[in-house]
């Protein structure tokens, strides 16, 4: 009888030490990307689609994948009017090259602009299962021109295709809103 009671106690304590599995729900908000929407320069309230935009991070050879089912070339291209790009969680700046009409047979039709985004980061606890996410605040105080959280250059010296870049929301906490509006 003592052996049965001892066995039951060991079994009970063994079960009580188990924890439920912590699984991060796929719907839990994670580190947001920067949402950029593109508009017509002649009608700033009208969204304008891009033609074969390719976005490449500094130091990278390939671009951001916009179309996972595309070919080796087309998976890096988008032709919509909105893109979402990641910001670095381990640095306060990130530089991206935006190539409009990438892959065009006519090299004169391809236009490249480079933008360096400056921001501050804050890690926010989500849950034990999901850990932390990083939220960002675009920082207008440390860049040129004044009141802009970015630096824009034209490496091809053929004119900036992004004619105006406007910050609509400096707090990057979700992907449900446009953070930057680009007129071209």
C-alpha atoms as a PDB file:
ATOM      1  CA  UNK A   1       0.000   0.000   0.000  1.00  0.00           C
ATOM      2  CA  UNK A   2       2.848   2.367   0.829  1.00  0.00           C
ATOM      3  CA  UNK A   3       4.412   1.626  -2.535  1.00  0.00           C
ATOM      4  CA  UNK A   4       1.191   2.536  -4.349  1.00  0.00           C
ATOM      5  CA  UNK A   5       0.814   5.789  -2.388  1.00  0.00           C
ATOM      6  CA  UNK A   6       4.473   6.649  -3.046  1.00  0.00           C
ATOM      7  CA  UNK A   7       4.038   5.900  -6.729  1.00  0.00           C
ATOM      8  CA  UNK A   8       0.906   8.084  -6.890  1.00  0.00           C
ATOM      9  CA  UNK A   9       2.700  10.949  -5.121  1.00  0.00           C
ATOM     10  CA  UNK A  10       5.653  10.746  -7.529  1.00  0.00           C
ATOM     11  CA  UNK A  11       3.261  10.650 -10.494  1.00  0.00           C
ATOM     12  CA  UNK A  12       1.246  13.627  -9.150  1.00  0.00           C
ATOM     13  CA  UNK A  13       4.359  15.740  -8.542  1.00  0.00           C
ATOM     14  CA  UNK A  14       5.640  14.767 -11.981  1.00  0.00           C
ATOM     15  CA  UNK A  15       2.487  16.037 -13.665  1.00  0.00           C
ATOM     16  CA  UNK A  16       2.399  19.241 -11.652  1.00  0.00           C
ATOM     17  CA  UNK A  17       5.866  20.223 -12.852  1.00  0.00           C
ATOM     18  CA  UNK A  18       4.792  20.274 -16.511  1.00  0.00           C
ATOM     19  CA  UNK A  19       3.999  23.641 -18.065  1.00  0.00           C
ATOM     20  CA  UNK A  20       1.720  24.368 -20.930  1.00  0.00           C
ATOM     21  CA  UNK A  21       3.444  25.166 -24.201  1.00  0.00           C
ATOM     22  CA  UNK A  22       3.853  28.865 -24.875  1.00  0.00           C
ATOM     23  CA  UNK A  23       3.082  29.499 -28.507  1.00  0.00           C
ATOM     24  CA  UNK A  24       3.030  32.987 -29.949  1.00  0.00           C
ATOM     25  CA  UNK A  25      -0.244  33.503 -31.790  1.00  0.00           C
ATOM     26  CA  UNK A  26       0.273  34.451 -35.449  1.00  0.00           C
ATOM     27  CA  UNK A  27      -2.145  37.371 -34.977  1.00  0.00           C
ATOM     28  CA  UNK A  28      -0.022  38.938 -32.240  1.00  0.00           C
ATOM     29  CA  UNK A  29       1.465  42.254 -33.416  1.00  0.00           C
ATOM     30  CA  UNK A  30       5.221  42.040 -33.921  1.00  0.00           C
ATOM     31  CA  UNK A  31       7.869  44.589 -34.874  1.00  0.00           C
ATOM     32  CA  UNK A  32       6.174  46.812 -37.476  1.00  0.00           C
ATOM     33  CA  UNK A  33       7.588  47.775 -40.849  1.00  0.00           C
ATOM     34  CA  UNK A  34       7.651  51.334 -42.193  1.00  0.00           C
ATOM     35  CA  UNK A  35       4.694  51.854 -44.546  1.00  0.00           C
ATOM     36  CA  UNK A  36       5.351  54.165 -47.506  1.00  0.00           C
ATOM     37  CA  UNK A  37       2.553  55.207 -49.889  1.00  0.00           C
ATOM     38  CA  UNK A  38       3.099  56.843 -53.263  1.00  0.00           C
ATOM     39  CA  UNK A  39       0.976  59.664 -54.727  1.00  0.00           C
ATOM     40  CA  UNK A  40       0.800  61.729 -57.879  1.00  0.00           C
ATOM     41  CA  UNK A  41       2.760  65.005 -57.622  1.00  0.00           C
ATOM     42  CA  UNK A  42       0.121  66.843 -59.696  1.00  0.00           C
ATOM     43  CA  UNK A  43      -2.763  65.530 -57.556  1.00  0.00           C
ATOM     44  CA  UNK A  44      -1.362  64.818 -54.048  1.00  0.00           C
ATOM     45  CA  UNK A  45      -4.512  63.041 -52.845  1.00  0.00           C
ATOM     46  CA  UNK A  46      -4.490  60.513 -55.709  1.00  0.00           C
ATOM     47  CA  UNK A  47      -2.539  57.302 -55.100  1.00  0.00           C
ATOM     48  CA  UNK A  48      -0.141  56.465 -57.914  1.00  0.00           C
ATOM     49  CA  UNK A  49       1.147  52.996 -58.755  1.00  0.00           C
ATOM     50  CA  UNK A  50       4.841  52.409 -59.236  1.00  0.00           C
ATOM     51  CA  UNK A  51       6.322  50.466 -62.125  1.00  0.00           C
ATOM     52  CA  UNK A  52       8.715  47.702 -61.086  1.00  0.00           C
ATOM     53  CA  UNK A  53      10.034  49.285 -57.905  1.00  0.00           C
ATOM     54  CA  UNK A  54      12.963  47.470 -56.329  1.00  0.00           C
ATOM     55  CA  UNK A  55      14.100  48.354 -52.799  1.00  0.00           C
ATOM     56  CA  UNK A  56      17.572  47.307 -51.666  1.00  0.00           C
ATOM     57  CA  UNK A  57      18.999  47.737 -48.157  1.00  0.00           C
ATOM     58  CA  UNK A  58      22.488  49.154 -47.736  1.00  0.00           C
ATOM     59  CA  UNK A  59      25.114  46.436 -47.968  1.00  0.00           C
ATOM     60  CA  UNK A  60      22.670  43.961 -49.526  1.00  0.00           C
ATOM     61  CA  UNK A  61      22.857  42.543 -53.040  1.00  0.00           C
ATOM     62  CA  UNK A  62      19.234  41.460 -53.399  1.00  0.00           C
ATOM     63  CA  UNK A  63      16.186  43.555 -52.709  1.00  0.00           C
ATOM     64  CA  UNK A  64      13.307  43.151 -50.313  1.00  0.00           C
ATOM     65  CA  UNK A  65      11.072  40.277 -51.396  1.00  0.00           C
ATOM     66  CA  UNK A  66       7.634  41.632 -52.290  1.00  0.00           C
ATOM     67  CA  UNK A  67       6.370  38.608 -54.251  1.00  0.00           C
ATOM     68  CA  UNK A  68       7.492  35.256 -52.818  1.00  0.00           C
ATOM     69  CA  UNK A  69       5.974  33.287 -55.700  1.00  0.00           C
ATOM     70  CA  UNK A  70       7.777  35.359 -58.342  1.00  0.00           C
ATOM     71  CA  UNK A  71      10.839  34.408 -60.346  1.00  0.00           C
ATOM     72  CA  UNK A  72      14.390  35.223 -59.266  1.00  0.00           C
ATOM     73  CA  UNK A  73      13.915  38.702 -60.764  1.00  0.00           C
ATOM     74  CA  UNK A  74      10.224  39.491 -60.233  1.00  0.00           C
ATOM     75  CA  UNK A  75      10.094  38.511 -56.558  1.00  0.00           C
ATOM     76  CA  UNK A  76      12.020  41.714 -55.739  1.00  0.00           C
ATOM     77  CA  UNK A  77       9.705  43.995 -57.752  1.00  0.00           C
ATOM     78  CA  UNK A  78       6.422  45.651 -56.850  1.00  0.00           C
ATOM     79  CA  UNK A  79       4.052  47.742 -58.922  1.00  0.00           C
ATOM     80  CA  UNK A  80       1.579  48.826 -56.258  1.00  0.00           C
ATOM     81  CA  UNK A  81       1.199  52.198 -54.574  1.00  0.00           C
ATOM     82  CA  UNK A  82       2.322  51.115 -51.099  1.00  0.00           C
ATOM     83  CA  UNK A  83       5.400  49.309 -49.799  1.00  0.00           C
ATOM     84  CA  UNK A  84       6.351  48.147 -46.319  1.00  0.00           C
ATOM     85  CA  UNK A  85      10.037  48.037 -45.468  1.00  0.00           C
ATOM     86  CA  UNK A  86      11.734  46.897 -42.266  1.00  0.00           C
ATOM     87  CA  UNK A  87      13.730  49.198 -40.023  1.00  0.00           C
ATOM     88  CA  UNK A  88      16.787  47.853 -38.213  1.00  0.00           C
ATOM     89  CA  UNK A  89      16.133  46.782 -34.632  1.00  0.00           C
ATOM     90  CA  UNK A  90      19.827  47.057 -33.709  1.00  0.00           C
ATOM     91  CA  UNK A  91      20.640  50.502 -35.170  1.00  0.00           C
ATOM     92  CA  UNK A  92      19.146  53.998 -35.258  1.00  0.00           C
ATOM     93  CA  UNK A  93      19.478  54.442 -39.024  1.00  0.00           C
ATOM     94  CA  UNK A  94      18.821  52.410 -42.139  1.00  0.00           C
ATOM     95  CA  UNK A  95      19.553  53.268 -45.760  1.00  0.00           C
ATOM     96  CA  UNK A  96      17.533  51.984 -48.700  1.00  0.00           C
ATOM     97  CA  UNK A  97      17.974  52.363 -52.443  1.00  0.00           C
ATOM     98  CA  UNK A  98      14.681  52.785 -54.304  1.00  0.00           C
ATOM     99  CA  UNK A  99      15.004  51.823 -57.978  1.00  0.00           C
ATOM    100  CA  UNK A 100      12.046  52.891 -60.109  1.00  0.00           C
ATOM    101  CA  UNK A 101      11.413  50.863 -63.282  1.00  0.00           C
ATOM    102  CA  UNK A 102      14.091  48.352 -62.314  1.00  0.00           C
ATOM    103  CA  UNK A 103      14.957  45.868 -65.027  1.00  0.00           C
ATOM    104  CA  UNK A 104      13.845  48.120 -67.866  1.00  0.00           C
ATOM    105  CA  UNK A 105      15.687  47.383 -71.123  1.00  0.00           C
ATOM    106  CA  UNK A 106      16.293  51.116 -71.527  1.00  0.00           C
ATOM    107  CA  UNK A 107      18.838  52.138 -68.849  1.00  0.00           C
ATOM    108  CA  UNK A 108      17.765  55.787 -69.164  1.00  0.00           C
ATOM    109  CA  UNK A 109      14.285  54.855 -67.861  1.00  0.00           C
ATOM    110  CA  UNK A 110      15.697  53.463 -64.603  1.00  0.00           C
ATOM    111  CA  UNK A 111      15.855  56.049 -61.812  1.00  0.00           C
ATOM    112  CA  UNK A 112      17.484  55.498 -58.429  1.00  0.00           C
ATOM    113  CA  UNK A 113      17.035  57.445 -55.185  1.00  0.00           C
ATOM    114  CA  UNK A 114      18.654  56.627 -51.847  1.00  0.00           C
ATOM    115  CA  UNK A 115      16.994  57.472 -48.549  1.00  0.00           C
ATOM    116  CA  UNK A 116      18.547  57.200 -45.111  1.00  0.00           C
ATOM    117  CA  UNK A 117      15.939  56.936 -42.356  1.00  0.00           C
ATOM    118  CA  UNK A 118      16.855  58.118 -38.828  1.00  0.00           C
ATOM    119  CA  UNK A 119      14.825  56.981 -35.828  1.00  0.00           C
ATOM    120  CA  UNK A 120      14.888  55.936 -32.191  1.00  0.00           C
ATOM    121  CA  UNK A 121      13.941  52.464 -30.981  1.00  0.00           C
ATOM    122  CA  UNK A 122      12.063  51.139 -27.994  1.00  0.00           C
ATOM    123  CA  UNK A 123      11.655  47.477 -27.083  1.00  0.00           C
ATOM    124  CA  UNK A 124       8.175  46.643 -25.812  1.00  0.00           C
ATOM    125  CA  UNK A 125       7.286  43.436 -23.985  1.00  0.00           C
ATOM    126  CA  UNK A 126       4.538  41.517 -25.802  1.00  0.00           C
ATOM    127  CA  UNK A 127       4.216  38.252 -23.858  1.00  0.00           C
ATOM    128  CA  UNK A 128       6.233  35.354 -22.514  1.00  0.00           C
ATOM    129  CA  UNK A 129       5.575  33.367 -25.681  1.00  0.00           C
ATOM    130  CA  UNK A 130       6.274  36.210 -28.131  1.00  0.00           C
ATOM    131  CA  UNK A 131       8.977  38.072 -26.244  1.00  0.00           C
ATOM    132  CA  UNK A 132       9.669  41.672 -27.249  1.00  0.00           C
ATOM    133  CA  UNK A 133       8.876  43.775 -30.286  1.00  0.00           C
ATOM    134  CA  UNK A 134      10.546  47.010 -31.314  1.00  0.00           C
ATOM    135  CA  UNK A 135       8.640  50.193 -32.055  1.00  0.00           C
ATOM    136  CA  UNK A 136      10.219  53.200 -33.739  1.00  0.00           C
ATOM    137  CA  UNK A 137       9.959  56.981 -33.712  1.00  0.00           C
ATOM    138  CA  UNK A 138      11.209  58.781 -36.790  1.00  0.00           C
ATOM    139  CA  UNK A 139      13.648  61.424 -35.550  1.00  0.00           C
ATOM    140  CA  UNK A 140      13.423  64.786 -37.341  1.00  0.00           C
ATOM    141  CA  UNK A 141      15.950  66.582 -35.131  1.00  0.00           C
ATOM    142  CA  UNK A 142      19.149  65.024 -36.468  1.00  0.00           C
ATOM    143  CA  UNK A 143      18.821  65.177 -40.247  1.00  0.00           C
ATOM    144  CA  UNK A 144      19.001  67.498 -43.220  1.00  0.00           C
ATOM    145  CA  UNK A 145      16.821  69.083 -44.466  1.00  0.00           C
ATOM    146  CA  UNK A 146      15.376  70.280 -41.141  1.00  0.00           C
ATOM    147  CA  UNK A 147      12.120  68.685 -40.004  1.00  0.00           C
ATOM    148  CA  UNK A 148      12.644  65.539 -42.064  1.00  0.00           C
ATOM    149  CA  UNK A 149      13.502  62.127 -40.587  1.00  0.00           C
ATOM    150  CA  UNK A 150      15.471  61.103 -43.650  1.00  0.00           C
ATOM    151  CA  UNK A 151      18.256  62.101 -45.982  1.00  0.00           C
ATOM    152  CA  UNK A 152      17.583  61.711 -49.701  1.00  0.00           C
ATOM    153  CA  UNK A 153      20.255  61.462 -52.401  1.00  0.00           C
ATOM    154  CA  UNK A 154      20.363  60.717 -56.110  1.00  0.00           C
ATOM    155  CA  UNK A 155      23.401  58.553 -56.890  1.00  0.00           C
ATOM    156  CA  UNK A 156      22.748  58.637 -60.647  1.00  0.00           C
ATOM    157  CA  UNK A 157      22.551  62.467 -60.727  1.00  0.00           C
ATOM    158  CA  UNK A 158      19.611  62.174 -63.119  1.00  0.00           C
ATOM    159  CA  UNK A 159      17.130  63.940 -60.870  1.00  0.00           C
ATOM    160  CA  UNK A 160      15.197  62.698 -57.862  1.00  0.00           C
ATOM    161  CA  UNK A 161      12.126  60.747 -58.887  1.00  0.00           C
ATOM    162  CA  UNK A 162      10.782  61.166 -55.352  1.00  0.00           C
ATOM    163  CA  UNK A 163       9.981  64.862 -55.508  1.00  0.00           C
ATOM    164  CA  UNK A 164       8.465  65.272 -52.034  1.00  0.00           C
ATOM    165  CA  UNK A 165       8.672  63.016 -49.007  1.00  0.00           C
ATOM    166  CA  UNK A 166       6.162  63.811 -46.249  1.00  0.00           C
ATOM    167  CA  UNK A 167       6.004  62.215 -42.807  1.00  0.00           C
ATOM    168  CA  UNK A 168       2.386  61.478 -41.934  1.00  0.00           C
ATOM    169  CA  UNK A 169       3.022  59.469 -38.761  1.00  0.00           C
ATOM    170  CA  UNK A 170       6.379  59.620 -36.956  1.00  0.00           C
ATOM    171  CA  UNK A 171       5.465  56.808 -34.526  1.00  0.00           C
ATOM    172  CA  UNK A 172       5.912  53.438 -36.216  1.00  0.00           C
ATOM    173  CA  UNK A 173       3.888  51.176 -33.934  1.00  0.00           C
ATOM    174  CA  UNK A 174       1.742  49.238 -36.427  1.00  0.00           C
ATOM    175  CA  UNK A 175       1.449  48.541 -40.131  1.00  0.00           C
ATOM    176  CA  UNK A 176      -2.201  49.622 -40.264  1.00  0.00           C
ATOM    177  CA  UNK A 177      -1.407  53.190 -41.325  1.00  0.00           C
ATOM    178  CA  UNK A 178       0.828  55.041 -43.765  1.00  0.00           C
ATOM    179  CA  UNK A 179       3.899  56.538 -42.109  1.00  0.00           C
ATOM    180  CA  UNK A 180       5.460  58.283 -45.108  1.00  0.00           C
ATOM    181  CA  UNK A 181       3.841  59.794 -48.195  1.00  0.00           C
ATOM    182  CA  UNK A 182       5.962  60.135 -51.339  1.00  0.00           C
ATOM    183  CA  UNK A 183       4.945  62.393 -54.204  1.00  0.00           C
ATOM    184  CA  UNK A 184       6.405  61.625 -57.620  1.00  0.00           C
END
